[in-house]
Amino acid sequence: MRLSGDEDAVAQCKADLFFKEAGLSSEDKLLLVIDDTYVEKKGNKTDGVDKFFDHAKGRYINGNNFVTCLQVDDDIYLTRPGCT
């Protein structure tokens, strides 16, 4: 499948694939919590260091951006492989 540059179409495709892989139907309810956290670093020799806009600080920083997600299902909390 080839995706266009349409952000909504790409997001929908990702959601469809996630639901399929998780064995969920369109009738199921799911809460997916996604968080990204910046850790400011000095220098550029650490893996993954890049320039990011930190909205909490209101400026660009050099650092790492860690993205995590958590699936909440009927009071069961599951981390998804590949989301951390």
Protein backbone atom coordinates (compact mmCIF):
# COMPACT_ATOMS: atom_id res chain seq x y z
CA MET A 1 0.00 0.00 0.00
CA ARG A 2 1.36 3.42 -0.93
CA LEU A 3 0.49 6.32 1.36
CA SER A 4 -0.06 9.84 0.16
CA GLY A 5 1.27 12.90 1.95
CA ASP A 6 -2.17 13.48 3.53
CA GLU A 7 -1.54 13.45 7.29
CA ASP A 8 -5.12 12.38 8.11
CA ALA A 9 -4.93 9.44 5.69
CA VAL A 10 -1.58 8.35 7.13
CA ALA A 11 -2.90 8.61 10.72
CA GLN A 12 -6.02 6.60 9.80
CA CYS A 13 -3.91 3.92 8.12
CA LYS A 14 -1.72 3.65 11.25
CA ALA A 15 -4.83 3.39 13.46
CA ASP A 16 -6.34 0.69 11.21
CA LEU A 17 -3.12 -1.34 11.31
CA PHE A 18 -2.88 -0.96 15.10
CA PHE A 19 -6.48 -2.15 15.60
CA LYS A 20 -5.89 -5.10 13.26
CA GLU A 21 -2.67 -6.17 15.03
CA ALA A 22 -4.30 -5.78 18.47
CA GLY A 23 -7.26 -7.93 17.38
CA LEU A 24 -9.75 -5.10 17.96
CA SER A 25 -12.87 -4.28 15.96
CA SER A 26 -14.45 -0.89 15.27
CA GLU A 27 -16.91 -1.62 18.10
CA ASP A 28 -14.15 -1.98 20.73
CA LYS A 29 -13.11 0.90 22.94
CA LEU A 30 -9.45 1.61 23.50
CA LEU A 31 -7.49 4.28 25.31
CA LEU A 32 -3.99 4.80 23.96
CA VAL A 33 -1.89 7.25 25.96
CA ILE A 34 1.06 8.73 24.06
CA ASP A 35 3.69 10.92 25.69
CA ASP A 36 6.88 12.48 24.44
CA THR A 37 9.49 13.75 26.84
CA TYR A 38 12.58 15.76 26.08
CA VAL A 39 15.84 15.34 27.94
CA GLU A 40 18.20 18.22 27.28
CA LYS A 41 21.81 17.23 26.55
CA LYS A 42 24.98 19.24 26.14
CA GLY A 43 27.21 18.35 23.22
CA ASN A 44 26.35 16.12 20.30
CA LYS A 45 28.16 12.83 20.97
CA THR A 46 25.22 11.06 22.62
CA ASP A 47 23.15 8.86 20.29
CA GLY A 48 19.88 10.42 19.19
CA VAL A 49 20.77 13.98 20.18
CA ASP A 50 19.13 16.47 17.87
CA LYS A 51 17.48 19.88 17.87
CA PHE A 52 13.89 19.83 19.19
CA PHE A 53 11.38 22.53 20.03
CA ASP A 54 10.51 22.12 23.71
CA HIS A 55 7.05 23.64 24.14
CA ALA A 56 7.37 23.63 27.94
CA LYS A 57 10.50 25.81 27.70
CA GLY A 58 9.32 27.77 24.66
CA ARG A 59 12.63 27.33 22.86
CA TYR A 60 14.75 24.91 20.86
CA ILE A 61 16.96 22.53 22.81
CA ASN A 62 19.59 19.94 21.96
CA GLY A 63 18.58 16.64 23.47
CA ASN A 64 16.78 13.33 23.17
CA ASN A 65 13.07 12.90 22.53
CA PHE A 66 11.63 9.79 24.20
CA VAL A 67 8.17 8.73 23.02
CA THR A 68 6.21 6.17 25.02
CA CYS A 69 2.71 4.79 24.72
CA LEU A 70 0.42 2.87 27.00
CA GLN A 71 -2.67 0.87 26.06
CA VAL A 72 -5.46 0.85 28.65
CA ASP A 73 -8.00 -1.98 28.30
CA ASP A 74 -10.62 -2.72 30.97
CA ASP A 75 -8.35 -1.50 33.78
CA ILE A 76 -5.41 -3.51 32.40
CA TYR A 77 -2.38 -1.43 31.46
CA LEU A 78 -0.23 -2.78 28.63
CA THR A 79 2.81 -1.29 26.99
CA ARG A 80 3.01 -2.08 23.29
CA PRO A 81 6.24 -3.49 21.80
CA GLY A 82 7.92 -0.87 19.65
CA CYS A 83 6.26 2.06 21.41
CA THR A 84 9.01 2.77 23.92
